[in-house]
N, C-alpha and C. Protein backbone atom coordinates (compact mmCIF):
# COMPACT_ATOMS: atom_id res chain seq x y z
N MET A 1 47.06 -49.09 18.46
CA MET A 1 45.85 -48.91 17.66
C MET A 1 45.51 -50.18 16.88
N LYS A 2 46.56 -50.77 16.28
CA LYS A 2 46.35 -51.95 15.46
C LYS A 2 45.78 -53.12 16.28
N VAL A 3 46.33 -53.32 17.47
CA VAL A 3 45.87 -54.41 18.33
C VAL A 3 44.40 -54.21 18.71
N LEU A 4 44.03 -52.99 18.99
CA LEU A 4 42.64 -52.68 19.34
C LEU A 4 41.70 -52.97 18.17
N LEU A 5 42.10 -52.57 16.96
CA LEU A 5 41.28 -52.83 15.77
C LEU A 5 41.13 -54.32 15.50
N VAL A 6 42.25 -55.03 15.55
CA VAL A 6 42.20 -56.48 15.31
C VAL A 6 41.32 -57.15 16.37
N SER A 7 41.48 -56.74 17.62
CA SER A 7 40.68 -57.32 18.70
C SER A 7 39.19 -57.05 18.50
N LEU A 8 38.85 -55.82 18.15
CA LEU A 8 37.44 -55.48 17.94
C LEU A 8 36.86 -56.20 16.74
N ALA A 9 37.64 -56.36 15.70
CA ALA A 9 37.19 -57.12 14.53
C ALA A 9 36.95 -58.59 14.92
N LEU A 10 37.88 -59.17 15.65
CA LEU A 10 37.73 -60.57 16.08
C LEU A 10 36.51 -60.73 16.99
N ILE A 11 36.31 -59.80 17.90
CA ILE A 11 35.14 -59.85 18.79
C ILE A 11 33.86 -59.76 17.97
N SER A 12 33.82 -58.84 17.03
CA SER A 12 32.63 -58.67 16.18
C SER A 12 32.34 -59.95 15.40
N PHE A 13 33.36 -60.46 14.70
CA PHE A 13 33.16 -61.68 13.91
C PHE A 13 32.78 -62.85 14.80
N GLY A 14 33.36 -62.92 15.99
CA GLY A 14 33.02 -64.00 16.93
C GLY A 14 31.57 -63.92 17.39
N ILE A 15 31.10 -62.72 17.72
CA ILE A 15 29.71 -62.53 18.15
C ILE A 15 28.76 -62.91 17.02
N TYR A 16 29.07 -62.47 15.80
CA TYR A 16 28.19 -62.76 14.67
C TYR A 16 28.17 -64.26 14.35
N THR A 17 29.32 -64.91 14.47
CA THR A 17 29.39 -66.36 14.24
C THR A 17 28.56 -67.09 15.30
N HIS A 18 28.69 -66.66 16.53
CA HIS A 18 27.90 -67.25 17.62
C HIS A 18 26.41 -67.07 17.34
N ALA A 19 26.03 -65.90 16.87
CA ALA A 19 24.61 -65.62 16.59
C ALA A 19 24.07 -66.53 15.51
N ILE A 20 24.85 -66.77 14.47
CA ILE A 20 24.40 -67.66 13.40
C ILE A 20 24.09 -69.03 13.98
N ARG A 21 24.88 -69.42 14.93
CA ARG A 21 24.72 -70.75 15.53
C ARG A 21 23.57 -70.81 16.54
N TYR A 22 23.42 -69.76 17.37
CA TYR A 22 22.50 -69.86 18.50
C TYR A 22 21.33 -68.89 18.50
N LEU A 23 21.39 -67.82 17.73
CA LEU A 23 20.33 -66.82 17.75
C LEU A 23 19.26 -67.09 16.69
N PHE A 24 19.67 -67.72 15.60
CA PHE A 24 18.76 -67.96 14.49
C PHE A 24 18.35 -69.43 14.44
N SER A 25 17.09 -69.65 14.04
CA SER A 25 16.54 -71.00 13.98
C SER A 25 17.08 -71.74 12.76
N ARG A 26 17.32 -73.02 12.96
CA ARG A 26 17.75 -73.90 11.89
C ARG A 26 16.67 -74.95 11.60
N ALA A 27 15.43 -74.65 11.96
CA ALA A 27 14.34 -75.61 11.82
C ALA A 27 14.21 -76.13 10.39
N GLY A 28 14.42 -75.26 9.42
CA GLY A 28 14.32 -75.66 8.01
C GLY A 28 15.64 -76.16 7.46
N GLY A 29 16.63 -76.36 8.33
CA GLY A 29 17.94 -76.78 7.88
C GLY A 29 18.77 -75.58 7.45
N VAL A 30 19.93 -75.86 6.91
CA VAL A 30 20.81 -74.81 6.42
C VAL A 30 20.83 -74.91 4.91
N ALA A 31 20.29 -73.90 4.26
CA ALA A 31 20.21 -73.88 2.80
C ALA A 31 21.60 -73.79 2.19
N PRO A 32 21.79 -74.35 0.99
CA PRO A 32 23.10 -74.27 0.33
C PRO A 32 23.60 -72.82 0.17
N ARG A 33 22.71 -71.88 -0.13
CA ARG A 33 23.14 -70.49 -0.26
C ARG A 33 23.64 -69.93 1.07
N MET A 34 23.09 -70.40 2.18
CA MET A 34 23.57 -69.98 3.50
C MET A 34 24.96 -70.54 3.75
N LYS A 35 25.19 -71.77 3.30
CA LYS A 35 26.53 -72.36 3.46
C LYS A 35 27.56 -71.57 2.64
N VAL A 36 27.16 -71.12 1.45
CA VAL A 36 28.04 -70.28 0.64
C VAL A 36 28.31 -68.97 1.37
N LEU A 37 27.26 -68.36 1.94
CA LEU A 37 27.41 -67.12 2.69
C LEU A 37 28.36 -67.31 3.87
N GLN A 38 28.24 -68.41 4.59
CA GLN A 38 29.12 -68.68 5.73
C GLN A 38 30.58 -68.86 5.27
N LEU A 39 30.78 -69.59 4.18
CA LEU A 39 32.14 -69.80 3.67
C LEU A 39 32.74 -68.47 3.19
N LEU A 40 31.96 -67.70 2.45
CA LEU A 40 32.43 -66.40 1.98
C LEU A 40 32.73 -65.48 3.16
N GLY A 41 31.88 -65.52 4.19
CA GLY A 41 32.10 -64.72 5.39
C GLY A 41 33.38 -65.11 6.12
N THR A 42 33.64 -66.39 6.22
CA THR A 42 34.85 -66.87 6.89
C THR A 42 36.10 -66.43 6.13
N ILE A 43 36.10 -66.62 4.82
CA ILE A 43 37.24 -66.21 4.00
C ILE A 43 37.44 -64.70 4.10
N SER A 44 36.34 -63.96 4.00
CA SER A 44 36.41 -62.50 4.06
C SER A 44 36.92 -62.01 5.42
N ALA A 45 36.48 -62.66 6.49
CA ALA A 45 36.94 -62.28 7.83
C ALA A 45 38.44 -62.52 7.96
N ILE A 46 38.92 -63.63 7.45
CA ILE A 46 40.36 -63.92 7.51
C ILE A 46 41.14 -62.86 6.72
N VAL A 47 40.65 -62.54 5.52
CA VAL A 47 41.31 -61.52 4.70
C VAL A 47 41.35 -60.19 5.45
N GLN A 48 40.23 -59.81 6.05
CA GLN A 48 40.19 -58.52 6.74
C GLN A 48 41.09 -58.51 7.98
N ILE A 49 41.12 -59.59 8.72
CA ILE A 49 41.98 -59.66 9.92
C ILE A 49 43.46 -59.55 9.51
N ILE A 50 43.84 -60.25 8.45
CA ILE A 50 45.22 -60.18 7.97
C ILE A 50 45.54 -58.75 7.51
N ALA A 51 44.59 -58.13 6.79
CA ALA A 51 44.80 -56.75 6.32
C ALA A 51 44.93 -55.79 7.51
N LEU A 52 44.11 -55.98 8.53
CA LEU A 52 44.21 -55.13 9.72
C LEU A 52 45.55 -55.32 10.42
N ALA A 53 45.99 -56.56 10.54
CA ALA A 53 47.25 -56.86 11.22
C ALA A 53 48.44 -56.28 10.46
N ALA A 54 48.33 -56.21 9.14
CA ALA A 54 49.43 -55.70 8.32
C ALA A 54 49.38 -54.19 8.13
N SER A 55 48.30 -53.56 8.53
CA SER A 55 48.13 -52.13 8.27
C SER A 55 48.71 -51.27 9.39
N THR A 56 48.89 -50.02 9.06
CA THR A 56 49.26 -49.00 10.05
C THR A 56 48.26 -47.87 9.87
N PRO A 57 47.11 -47.99 10.54
CA PRO A 57 46.05 -46.99 10.31
C PRO A 57 46.42 -45.61 10.85
N THR A 58 46.03 -44.61 10.10
CA THR A 58 46.20 -43.24 10.58
C THR A 58 45.15 -42.99 11.65
N THR A 59 45.31 -41.92 12.38
CA THR A 59 44.34 -41.60 13.43
C THR A 59 42.92 -41.44 12.88
N PRO A 60 42.71 -40.73 11.75
CA PRO A 60 41.34 -40.63 11.23
C PRO A 60 40.76 -41.98 10.80
N ARG A 61 41.60 -42.82 10.18
CA ARG A 61 41.10 -44.16 9.77
C ARG A 61 40.80 -45.01 10.99
N PHE A 62 41.65 -44.92 12.01
CA PHE A 62 41.42 -45.65 13.26
C PHE A 62 40.10 -45.21 13.88
N ALA A 63 39.88 -43.89 13.97
CA ALA A 63 38.64 -43.37 14.57
C ALA A 63 37.42 -43.80 13.77
N ALA A 64 37.50 -43.71 12.45
CA ALA A 64 36.37 -44.13 11.60
C ALA A 64 36.06 -45.61 11.80
N ALA A 65 37.10 -46.43 11.82
CA ALA A 65 36.91 -47.87 12.00
C ALA A 65 36.30 -48.19 13.36
N MET A 66 36.80 -47.52 14.40
CA MET A 66 36.27 -47.76 15.75
C MET A 66 34.79 -47.38 15.82
N ILE A 67 34.42 -46.26 15.21
CA ILE A 67 33.01 -45.85 15.18
C ILE A 67 32.17 -46.87 14.43
N LEU A 68 32.67 -47.35 13.30
CA LEU A 68 31.92 -48.33 12.51
C LEU A 68 31.81 -49.68 13.22
N TYR A 69 32.91 -50.17 13.81
CA TYR A 69 32.84 -51.43 14.57
C TYR A 69 31.87 -51.28 15.75
N GLY A 70 32.01 -50.17 16.48
CA GLY A 70 31.11 -49.94 17.62
C GLY A 70 29.67 -49.81 17.17
N GLY A 71 29.45 -49.08 16.07
CA GLY A 71 28.09 -48.94 15.53
C GLY A 71 27.50 -50.29 15.12
N GLY A 72 28.33 -51.13 14.50
CA GLY A 72 27.87 -52.46 14.11
C GLY A 72 27.42 -53.27 15.32
N LEU A 73 28.21 -53.24 16.37
CA LEU A 73 27.85 -53.98 17.58
C LEU A 73 26.61 -53.40 18.26
N LEU A 74 26.51 -52.08 18.28
CA LEU A 74 25.32 -51.44 18.86
C LEU A 74 24.06 -51.85 18.11
N VAL A 75 24.11 -51.78 16.79
CA VAL A 75 22.96 -52.17 15.96
C VAL A 75 22.63 -53.64 16.19
N PHE A 76 23.66 -54.48 16.23
CA PHE A 76 23.44 -55.92 16.44
C PHE A 76 22.70 -56.18 17.76
N PHE A 77 23.20 -55.59 18.84
CA PHE A 77 22.58 -55.86 20.14
C PHE A 77 21.20 -55.23 20.27
N TRP A 78 20.97 -54.11 19.61
CA TRP A 78 19.63 -53.50 19.60
C TRP A 78 18.68 -54.41 18.83
N ALA A 79 19.13 -54.97 17.71
CA ALA A 79 18.30 -55.89 16.93
C ALA A 79 18.00 -57.15 17.74
N ARG A 80 19.00 -57.65 18.40
CA ARG A 80 18.81 -58.86 19.22
C ARG A 80 17.79 -58.60 20.33
N ARG A 81 17.91 -57.44 20.97
CA ARG A 81 16.96 -57.09 22.04
C ARG A 81 15.55 -56.92 21.49
N SER A 82 15.44 -56.37 20.29
CA SER A 82 14.15 -56.13 19.66
C SER A 82 13.41 -57.42 19.34
N LEU A 83 14.15 -58.51 19.21
CA LEU A 83 13.50 -59.79 18.91
C LEU A 83 12.71 -60.34 20.09
N ALA A 84 13.02 -59.89 21.28
CA ALA A 84 12.30 -60.29 22.50
C ALA A 84 12.13 -61.81 22.60
N GLY A 85 13.22 -62.53 22.40
CA GLY A 85 13.18 -63.98 22.55
C GLY A 85 12.78 -64.76 21.31
N ARG A 86 12.29 -64.08 20.27
CA ARG A 86 11.94 -64.78 19.03
C ARG A 86 13.21 -65.18 18.31
N ARG A 87 13.08 -66.17 17.46
CA ARG A 87 14.22 -66.61 16.64
C ARG A 87 13.80 -66.55 15.18
N PHE A 88 14.55 -65.79 14.40
CA PHE A 88 14.31 -65.76 12.95
C PHE A 88 15.01 -66.96 12.32
N ALA A 89 14.53 -67.36 11.16
CA ALA A 89 15.20 -68.43 10.41
C ALA A 89 16.50 -67.88 9.83
N LEU A 90 17.44 -68.77 9.59
CA LEU A 90 18.69 -68.38 8.94
C LEU A 90 18.41 -67.82 7.55
N ALA A 91 19.32 -67.06 7.03
CA ALA A 91 19.19 -66.52 5.67
C ALA A 91 18.97 -67.66 4.68
N PHE A 92 18.15 -67.40 3.69
CA PHE A 92 17.84 -68.32 2.59
C PHE A 92 17.05 -69.54 3.02
N SER A 93 16.53 -69.52 4.24
CA SER A 93 15.72 -70.64 4.71
C SER A 93 14.39 -70.66 3.96
N PRO A 94 13.87 -71.84 3.65
CA PRO A 94 12.58 -71.92 2.98
C PRO A 94 11.39 -71.76 3.94
N ASP A 95 11.69 -71.61 5.23
CA ASP A 95 10.63 -71.50 6.23
C ASP A 95 9.72 -70.31 5.96
N ASP A 96 8.48 -70.43 6.43
CA ASP A 96 7.55 -69.30 6.41
C ASP A 96 8.17 -68.20 7.25
N PRO A 97 8.10 -66.93 6.77
CA PRO A 97 8.74 -65.85 7.53
C PRO A 97 8.22 -65.71 8.96
N GLY A 98 7.00 -66.16 9.22
CA GLY A 98 6.49 -66.11 10.59
C GLY A 98 6.10 -64.71 11.02
N THR A 99 6.56 -64.33 12.18
CA THR A 99 6.16 -63.08 12.80
C THR A 99 6.87 -61.88 12.18
N LEU A 100 6.14 -60.80 12.05
CA LEU A 100 6.70 -59.55 11.58
C LEU A 100 7.06 -58.71 12.81
N VAL A 101 8.33 -58.38 12.97
CA VAL A 101 8.78 -57.57 14.09
C VAL A 101 8.90 -56.13 13.60
N THR A 102 8.20 -55.21 14.28
CA THR A 102 8.23 -53.80 13.88
C THR A 102 8.55 -52.87 15.05
N SER A 103 9.06 -53.43 16.12
CA SER A 103 9.40 -52.60 17.28
C SER A 103 10.91 -52.52 17.43
N GLY A 104 11.35 -51.66 18.33
CA GLY A 104 12.79 -51.48 18.54
C GLY A 104 13.42 -50.92 17.28
N ILE A 105 14.58 -51.43 16.94
CA ILE A 105 15.27 -50.96 15.74
C ILE A 105 14.51 -51.31 14.47
N TYR A 106 13.68 -52.36 14.55
CA TYR A 106 12.89 -52.76 13.39
C TYR A 106 11.86 -51.70 13.00
N ARG A 107 11.61 -50.78 13.88
CA ARG A 107 10.72 -49.67 13.54
C ARG A 107 11.33 -48.82 12.43
N TYR A 108 12.66 -48.79 12.37
CA TYR A 108 13.38 -47.94 11.42
C TYR A 108 14.03 -48.70 10.27
N VAL A 109 14.48 -49.93 10.55
CA VAL A 109 15.25 -50.70 9.57
C VAL A 109 14.68 -52.11 9.50
N ARG A 110 14.45 -52.59 8.28
CA ARG A 110 13.87 -53.94 8.11
C ARG A 110 14.89 -55.05 8.34
N HIS A 111 16.15 -54.77 8.11
CA HIS A 111 17.18 -55.82 8.23
C HIS A 111 18.37 -55.31 9.05
N PRO A 112 18.15 -55.07 10.34
CA PRO A 112 19.24 -54.50 11.15
C PRO A 112 20.44 -55.43 11.34
N PHE A 113 20.23 -56.74 11.31
CA PHE A 113 21.39 -57.63 11.45
C PHE A 113 22.31 -57.45 10.25
N TYR A 114 21.74 -57.37 9.06
CA TYR A 114 22.57 -57.15 7.87
C TYR A 114 23.25 -55.78 7.93
N LEU A 115 22.57 -54.80 8.49
CA LEU A 115 23.19 -53.48 8.68
C LEU A 115 24.39 -53.59 9.62
N ALA A 116 24.23 -54.31 10.72
CA ALA A 116 25.33 -54.49 11.67
C ALA A 116 26.53 -55.15 11.00
N TYR A 117 26.27 -56.21 10.27
CA TYR A 117 27.36 -56.91 9.59
C TYR A 117 28.02 -56.00 8.56
N THR A 118 27.22 -55.23 7.84
CA THR A 118 27.75 -54.31 6.83
C THR A 118 28.66 -53.27 7.46
N LEU A 119 28.24 -52.70 8.58
CA LEU A 119 29.08 -51.72 9.26
C LEU A 119 30.43 -52.31 9.64
N THR A 120 30.44 -53.57 10.02
CA THR A 120 31.68 -54.25 10.40
C THR A 120 32.60 -54.42 9.20
N TRP A 121 32.05 -54.85 8.07
CA TRP A 121 32.88 -55.00 6.87
C TRP A 121 33.43 -53.65 6.41
N VAL A 122 32.61 -52.63 6.45
CA VAL A 122 33.05 -51.30 6.05
C VAL A 122 34.12 -50.77 7.01
N ALA A 123 34.03 -51.13 8.28
CA ALA A 123 35.05 -50.74 9.26
C ALA A 123 36.42 -51.29 8.85
N GLY A 124 36.45 -52.52 8.38
CA GLY A 124 37.71 -53.10 7.91
C GLY A 124 38.30 -52.33 6.75
N VAL A 125 37.44 -51.90 5.84
CA VAL A 125 37.89 -51.10 4.69
C VAL A 125 38.40 -49.74 5.17
N ALA A 126 37.69 -49.14 6.13
CA ALA A 126 38.11 -47.84 6.65
C ALA A 126 39.48 -47.93 7.33
N ALA A 127 39.71 -48.99 8.06
CA ALA A 127 40.97 -49.14 8.80
C ALA A 127 42.13 -49.54 7.90
N ALA A 128 41.85 -50.42 6.95
CA ALA A 128 42.91 -50.95 6.08
C ALA A 128 42.42 -50.96 4.63
N PRO A 129 42.30 -49.78 4.03
CA PRO A 129 41.78 -49.73 2.66
C PRO A 129 42.72 -50.42 1.67
N SER A 130 42.16 -51.36 0.94
CA SER A 130 42.93 -52.07 -0.09
C SER A 130 41.95 -52.73 -1.04
N LEU A 131 42.47 -53.23 -2.12
CA LEU A 131 41.62 -53.94 -3.07
C LEU A 131 40.94 -55.13 -2.39
N TRP A 132 41.69 -55.85 -1.56
CA TRP A 132 41.16 -57.06 -0.93
C TRP A 132 40.08 -56.77 0.11
N THR A 133 40.30 -55.77 0.94
CA THR A 133 39.26 -55.45 1.92
C THR A 133 38.04 -54.89 1.21
N GLY A 134 38.26 -54.14 0.14
CA GLY A 134 37.13 -53.62 -0.65
C GLY A 134 36.32 -54.73 -1.30
N ILE A 135 37.03 -55.71 -1.87
CA ILE A 135 36.34 -56.84 -2.51
C ILE A 135 35.56 -57.65 -1.47
N THR A 136 36.19 -57.92 -0.33
CA THR A 136 35.48 -58.73 0.68
C THR A 136 34.24 -58.00 1.18
N ALA A 137 34.37 -56.71 1.45
CA ALA A 137 33.21 -55.94 1.92
C ALA A 137 32.13 -55.89 0.85
N GLY A 138 32.53 -55.62 -0.38
CA GLY A 138 31.56 -55.55 -1.48
C GLY A 138 30.81 -56.86 -1.68
N CYS A 139 31.54 -57.97 -1.64
CA CYS A 139 30.90 -59.29 -1.81
C CYS A 139 29.92 -59.58 -0.67
N MET A 140 30.33 -59.29 0.54
CA MET A 140 29.46 -59.57 1.68
C MET A 140 28.21 -58.70 1.66
N VAL A 141 28.37 -57.41 1.35
CA VAL A 141 27.19 -56.52 1.29
C VAL A 141 26.26 -56.98 0.18
N ALA A 142 26.81 -57.37 -0.96
CA ALA A 142 25.98 -57.87 -2.06
C ALA A 142 25.19 -59.11 -1.62
N MET A 143 25.84 -59.98 -0.87
CA MET A 143 25.14 -61.18 -0.37
C MET A 143 24.03 -60.80 0.61
N TYR A 144 24.25 -59.79 1.45
CA TYR A 144 23.22 -59.37 2.40
C TYR A 144 22.03 -58.75 1.68
N VAL A 145 22.30 -57.97 0.65
CA VAL A 145 21.19 -57.39 -0.13
C VAL A 145 20.40 -58.51 -0.80
N TYR A 146 21.11 -59.48 -1.36
CA TYR A 146 20.45 -60.63 -1.99
C TYR A 146 19.62 -61.41 -0.96
N ALA A 147 20.19 -61.66 0.20
CA ALA A 147 19.46 -62.39 1.25
C ALA A 147 18.23 -61.60 1.70
N ALA A 148 18.38 -60.29 1.88
CA ALA A 148 17.26 -59.45 2.31
C ALA A 148 16.14 -59.48 1.27
N ARG A 149 16.50 -59.36 0.01
CA ARG A 149 15.49 -59.39 -1.06
C ARG A 149 14.80 -60.76 -1.11
N THR A 150 15.55 -61.81 -0.88
CA THR A 150 14.98 -63.16 -0.86
C THR A 150 13.97 -63.29 0.29
N GLU A 151 14.34 -62.79 1.47
CA GLU A 151 13.44 -62.84 2.62
C GLU A 151 12.18 -62.02 2.36
N GLU A 152 12.35 -60.88 1.73
CA GLU A 152 11.19 -60.02 1.45
C GLU A 152 10.25 -60.65 0.44
N SER A 153 10.80 -61.39 -0.51
CA SER A 153 9.93 -62.06 -1.49
C SER A 153 9.11 -63.15 -0.81
N ARG A 154 9.66 -63.77 0.22
CA ARG A 154 8.88 -64.77 0.98
C ARG A 154 7.74 -64.10 1.74
N PHE A 155 7.99 -62.90 2.29
CA PHE A 155 6.93 -62.16 2.98
C PHE A 155 5.81 -61.80 2.03
N LYS A 156 6.16 -61.46 0.80
CA LYS A 156 5.15 -61.06 -0.19
C LYS A 156 4.21 -62.22 -0.53
N LEU A 157 4.67 -63.44 -0.31
CA LEU A 157 3.86 -64.62 -0.59
C LEU A 157 3.17 -65.18 0.65
N SER A 158 3.40 -64.55 1.79
CA SER A 158 2.86 -65.06 3.05
C SER A 158 1.53 -64.40 3.39
N GLY A 159 0.95 -64.84 4.47
CA GLY A 159 -0.30 -64.26 4.97
C GLY A 159 -0.11 -62.86 5.50
N ALA A 160 1.13 -62.46 5.73
CA ALA A 160 1.42 -61.12 6.25
C ALA A 160 1.83 -60.15 5.14
N ALA A 161 1.52 -60.49 3.88
CA ALA A 161 1.98 -59.68 2.74
C ALA A 161 1.50 -58.24 2.81
N GLU A 162 0.25 -58.03 3.13
CA GLU A 162 -0.29 -56.67 3.17
C GLU A 162 0.35 -55.86 4.32
N GLU A 163 0.45 -56.50 5.47
CA GLU A 163 1.07 -55.85 6.62
C GLU A 163 2.54 -55.54 6.33
N TYR A 164 3.22 -56.48 5.65
CA TYR A 164 4.62 -56.27 5.33
C TYR A 164 4.80 -55.12 4.34
N GLU A 165 3.91 -54.99 3.39
CA GLU A 165 4.00 -53.90 2.41
C GLU A 165 3.87 -52.54 3.10
N ALA A 166 2.96 -52.44 4.06
CA ALA A 166 2.81 -51.20 4.82
C ALA A 166 4.09 -50.93 5.64
N TYR A 167 4.64 -51.96 6.23
CA TYR A 167 5.88 -51.85 7.00
C TYR A 167 7.03 -51.40 6.10
N ARG A 168 7.11 -51.97 4.90
CA ARG A 168 8.15 -51.59 3.93
C ARG A 168 8.13 -50.11 3.60
N SER A 169 6.95 -49.53 3.58
CA SER A 169 6.85 -48.11 3.24
C SER A 169 7.35 -47.21 4.39
N ARG A 170 7.42 -47.78 5.60
CA ARG A 170 7.86 -47.00 6.77
C ARG A 170 9.33 -47.20 7.10
N ALA A 171 9.82 -48.41 6.94
CA ALA A 171 11.18 -48.75 7.38
C ALA A 171 12.08 -49.00 6.17
N GLY A 172 13.31 -48.51 6.25
CA GLY A 172 14.27 -48.71 5.16
C GLY A 172 14.85 -50.11 5.17
N LEU A 173 15.44 -50.50 4.06
CA LEU A 173 16.04 -51.82 3.93
C LEU A 173 17.17 -52.00 4.96
N PHE A 174 18.23 -51.18 4.85
CA PHE A 174 19.34 -51.22 5.80
C PHE A 174 19.50 -49.90 6.53
N LEU A 175 19.01 -48.82 5.94
CA LEU A 175 19.12 -47.50 6.54
C LEU A 175 17.74 -46.95 6.84
N PRO A 176 17.59 -46.22 7.94
CA PRO A 176 16.26 -45.67 8.28
C PRO A 176 15.78 -44.67 7.23
N ARG A 177 14.48 -44.62 7.07
CA ARG A 177 13.89 -43.58 6.23
C ARG A 177 13.90 -42.31 7.07
N LEU A 178 14.41 -41.25 6.52
CA LEU A 178 14.60 -40.00 7.25
C LEU A 178 13.30 -39.50 7.86
N ARG A 179 12.22 -39.57 7.13
CA ARG A 179 10.92 -39.08 7.61
C ARG A 179 10.50 -39.82 8.87
N VAL A 180 10.66 -41.12 8.92
CA VAL A 180 10.27 -41.93 10.09
C VAL A 180 11.18 -41.62 11.27
N LEU A 181 12.47 -41.44 11.00
CA LEU A 181 13.42 -41.12 12.05
C LEU A 181 13.10 -39.77 12.69
N VAL A 182 12.81 -38.78 11.87
CA VAL A 182 12.47 -37.44 12.39
C VAL A 182 11.18 -37.49 13.19
N MET A 183 10.19 -38.24 12.68
CA MET A 183 8.91 -38.35 13.41
C MET A 183 9.12 -39.03 14.76
N GLY A 184 9.98 -40.03 14.82
CA GLY A 184 10.27 -40.70 16.08
C GLY A 184 10.95 -39.80 17.07
N ILE A 185 11.86 -38.96 16.61
CA ILE A 185 12.54 -38.01 17.49
C ILE A 185 11.55 -36.97 18.00
N ARG A 186 10.70 -36.48 17.13
CA ARG A 186 9.70 -35.48 17.55
C ARG A 186 8.72 -36.05 18.56
N ALA A 187 8.34 -37.31 18.39
CA ALA A 187 7.38 -37.94 19.30
C ALA A 187 7.95 -38.06 20.71
N LYS A 188 9.27 -38.19 20.81
CA LYS A 188 9.90 -38.33 22.13
C LYS A 188 10.05 -36.99 22.85
N ASN A 189 10.00 -35.89 22.11
CA ASN A 189 10.19 -34.55 22.72
C ASN A 189 8.89 -33.95 23.16
């Protein structure tokens, strides 16, 4: 069980690291706050991997962690597919937000990449609950909320401000709005 959890955590962190490098645009450079986020993410990933390697997860904790790691990867790849070849700027970039994506997972969640990363950090806490895994997850989620709010403030100042405000009322920050989710399920039936 432990080997599987460590492997899945390493795969998740590796995919997300690759995405930072190749999926997101660096046209505006890498902002100092993004460098802090990357450093904090690296330290947190090391802490979580060590905690996973030292833990002996129970079957329920193992199952919860596997669901969360798998959910994080599912959300990540759905978000990537929803971009349809577009590249968003890195977090904290001063670039104009550009295009508003409202299809795919973006129909339900405004920041699905941050949701994917959050699920991964929470998976580490579920598998190896400790003060250190809790602190790393808490710090990373706080940084994602801060980054999301920063990106949203840029949209409010852009030419797409009105469209973005309407979108905000339909899609949740990291979690879907229940009303929109139910309407989407009903529309498919």
